Amino acid sequence: MDRFSRWPALLLAFFLSWVAVPSVFAAAPSSQMVSAAVPTLNMRTGPGQRYETHWTVSKGYPFRVIGRKGDWLRVSDFENDKAWVYRPMTSKTPHHVVKAKVANLRRAPSTRSPVLKKAGYGDVLRTIERRGDWIKVRHEGGATGWVQKRLTWGW
């Protein structure tokens, strides 16, 4: 077989590889989020109880799932810290965490609306409703109000 008789097969293989590429990307899973479902969740250095606990977080703290190993999830938080958590101790209940120094919880989704409470950096907020660039939340202290989404991280 001379070198020119291979061209049709090479062109077909090249074409098929380009046709298949979009379907691979379309099937990629979107970012999964979870939150702590227990009062205190251990953030571990590896996927198992034998690994050291880096730190702990309180109920509702949100995470982005970046990996899995069995019943263990590799997660990242709003500061991009990474650790392993035991999946049965997480939930799909949406929460946000305040990433700004201060976030005002307001009566209505407007900067003209009165401030009901000030939330601080790292405060956990239970997501109740979304409206444009605003989210209605319940503060871990009990207050409910609207906060600008850009001041928080989560879902």
Protein backbone atom coordinates (compact mmCIF):
# COMPACT_ATOMS: atom_id res chain seq x y z
CA MET A 1 0.00 0.00 0.00
CA ASP A 2 1.51 3.35 -0.97
CA ARG A 3 1.35 6.43 1.24
CA PHE A 4 -1.48 8.05 -0.76
CA SER A 5 -3.89 5.13 -0.37
CA ARG A 6 -3.97 5.71 3.41
CA TRP A 7 -5.34 9.27 3.10
CA PRO A 8 -9.07 8.38 2.92
CA ALA A 9 -8.82 6.33 6.13
CA LEU A 10 -6.80 9.05 7.90
CA LEU A 11 -9.25 11.76 6.84
CA LEU A 12 -12.20 9.68 8.04
CA ALA A 13 -10.52 9.05 11.42
CA PHE A 14 -9.72 12.78 11.76
CA PHE A 15 -13.31 13.78 10.90
CA LEU A 16 -14.82 11.27 13.34
CA SER A 17 -12.55 12.45 16.15
CA TRP A 18 -13.79 16.03 15.66
CA VAL A 19 -17.43 14.95 15.48
CA ALA A 20 -17.09 12.99 18.74
CA VAL A 21 -15.40 15.82 20.68
CA PRO A 22 -18.52 17.99 21.25
CA SER A 23 -20.48 15.04 22.64
CA VAL A 24 -17.71 14.39 25.18
CA PHE A 25 -17.90 17.95 26.43
CA ALA A 26 -21.70 18.00 26.45
CA ALA A 27 -21.71 14.96 28.71
CA ALA A 28 -19.37 16.56 31.29
CA PRO A 29 -21.20 16.89 34.63
CA SER A 30 -21.92 20.35 35.96
CA SER A 31 -20.52 21.46 39.29
CA GLN A 32 -22.19 19.67 42.14
CA MET A 33 -22.71 21.50 45.42
CA VAL A 34 -23.37 20.02 48.87
CA SER A 35 -23.68 21.41 52.37
CA ALA A 36 -22.86 20.09 55.83
CA ALA A 37 -25.87 18.16 57.17
CA VAL A 38 -24.57 17.62 60.72
CA PRO A 39 -23.85 20.11 63.55
CA THR A 40 -20.06 19.64 63.16
CA LEU A 41 -18.45 18.21 60.01
CA ASN A 42 -14.82 17.08 60.03
CA MET A 43 -12.74 18.26 57.08
CA ARG A 44 -10.15 15.51 56.54
CA THR A 45 -6.80 15.28 54.74
CA GLY A 46 -7.88 12.08 52.95
CA PRO A 47 -10.89 9.88 52.14
CA GLY A 48 -11.32 7.99 55.41
CA GLN A 49 -11.61 8.26 59.18
CA ARG A 50 -7.96 7.33 59.62
CA TYR A 51 -6.95 10.64 58.02
CA GLU A 52 -6.31 13.72 60.13
CA THR A 53 -9.01 16.37 60.61
CA HIS A 54 -7.83 19.69 59.13
CA TRP A 55 -10.69 21.74 60.57
CA THR A 56 -14.43 21.52 61.22
CA VAL A 57 -17.42 23.42 59.85
CA SER A 58 -20.94 23.92 61.11
CA LYS A 59 -24.24 22.73 59.65
CA GLY A 60 -25.17 24.29 56.32
CA TYR A 61 -21.64 25.23 55.25
CA PRO A 62 -21.59 24.94 51.42
CA PHE A 63 -19.00 23.15 49.27
CA ARG A 64 -18.27 22.43 45.62
CA VAL A 65 -17.60 18.73 44.94
CA ILE A 66 -14.32 18.32 43.05
CA GLY A 67 -13.77 14.58 43.41
CA ARG A 68 -15.03 11.27 44.82
CA LYS A 69 -13.70 8.06 46.29
CA GLY A 70 -16.37 5.64 47.45
CA ASP A 71 -18.55 7.39 50.04
CA TRP A 72 -16.04 10.23 50.41
CA LEU A 73 -16.22 13.58 48.60
CA ARG A 74 -13.28 15.84 47.82
CA VAL A 75 -14.62 19.36 48.29
CA SER A 76 -13.55 22.97 47.91
CA ASP A 77 -14.95 25.92 49.86
CA PHE A 78 -15.33 29.63 49.11
CA GLU A 79 -11.69 30.27 50.06
CA ASN A 80 -10.63 27.42 47.74
CA ASP A 81 -9.52 25.28 50.69
CA LYS A 82 -9.81 21.59 49.88
CA ALA A 83 -10.58 18.58 52.08
CA TRP A 84 -12.44 15.27 52.20
CA VAL A 85 -15.89 14.79 53.79
CA TYR A 86 -18.04 11.71 54.35
CA ARG A 87 -20.91 11.95 51.83
CA PRO A 88 -23.70 10.72 54.18
CA MET A 89 -22.94 13.74 56.39
CA THR A 90 -23.76 16.17 53.57
CA SER A 91 -27.04 17.28 52.01
CA LYS A 92 -28.42 18.94 48.89
CA THR A 93 -29.95 21.78 50.94
CA PRO A 94 -28.74 25.03 49.31
CA HIS A 95 -26.72 27.45 51.41
CA HIS A 96 -24.45 30.44 50.89
CA VAL A 97 -21.55 31.71 52.94
CA VAL A 98 -20.68 35.42 53.24
CA LYS A 99 -17.44 36.16 51.35
CA ALA A 100 -17.50 39.94 51.96
CA LYS A 101 -16.39 41.59 55.19
CA VAL A 102 -20.04 42.57 55.79
CA ALA A 103 -23.27 41.74 53.94
CA ASN A 104 -26.51 43.55 54.70
CA LEU A 105 -29.66 41.44 54.99
CA ARG A 106 -32.47 43.67 53.77
CA ARG A 107 -36.25 43.58 54.00
CA ALA A 108 -36.62 43.57 50.18
CA PRO A 109 -34.25 42.89 47.25
CA SER A 110 -33.07 46.49 46.86
CA THR A 111 -30.21 48.59 48.26
CA ARG A 112 -32.89 51.15 49.23
CA SER A 113 -34.64 48.63 51.49
CA PRO A 114 -33.95 48.83 55.25
CA VAL A 115 -31.19 46.66 56.71
CA LEU A 116 -32.53 43.96 59.07
CA LYS A 117 -29.19 42.42 60.06
CA LYS A 118 -25.52 42.54 59.17
CA ALA A 119 -23.86 39.23 58.34
CA GLY A 120 -20.09 38.88 58.60
CA TYR A 121 -17.39 37.06 56.68
CA GLY A 122 -17.91 33.28 56.91
CA ASP A 123 -21.51 33.44 58.20
CA VAL A 124 -23.68 30.62 56.83
CA LEU A 125 -26.97 31.60 55.15
CA ARG A 126 -29.74 29.15 54.23
CA THR A 127 -30.94 29.85 50.67
CA ILE A 128 -34.71 30.40 50.51
CA GLU A 129 -35.34 32.15 47.19
CA ARG A 130 -33.46 33.69 44.26
CA ARG A 131 -34.48 36.83 42.42
CA GLY A 132 -32.03 38.24 39.87
CA ASP A 133 -28.85 39.39 41.64
CA TRP A 134 -30.44 38.89 45.06
CA ILE A 135 -31.03 35.87 47.27
CA LYS A 136 -33.45 35.56 50.15
CA VAL A 137 -31.68 33.86 53.05
CA ARG A 138 -32.07 32.81 56.66
CA HIS A 139 -29.06 33.67 58.80
CA GLU A 140 -27.76 30.98 61.15
CA GLY A 141 -28.89 33.34 63.95
CA GLY A 142 -32.50 33.20 62.70
CA ALA A 143 -32.97 36.50 60.81
CA THR A 144 -34.43 36.30 57.29
CA GLY A 145 -33.72 38.86 54.58
CA TRP A 146 -32.38 39.61 51.12
CA VAL A 147 -28.68 39.85 50.33
CA GLN A 148 -26.81 40.71 47.14
CA LYS A 149 -25.56 37.49 45.57
CA ARG A 150 -22.12 38.99 44.77
CA LEU A 151 -21.39 39.20 48.53
CA THR A 152 -21.84 35.45 48.99
CA TRP A 153 -20.63 32.10 47.67
CA GLY A 154 -22.72 28.94 47.33
CA TRP A 155 -25.95 27.91 45.73
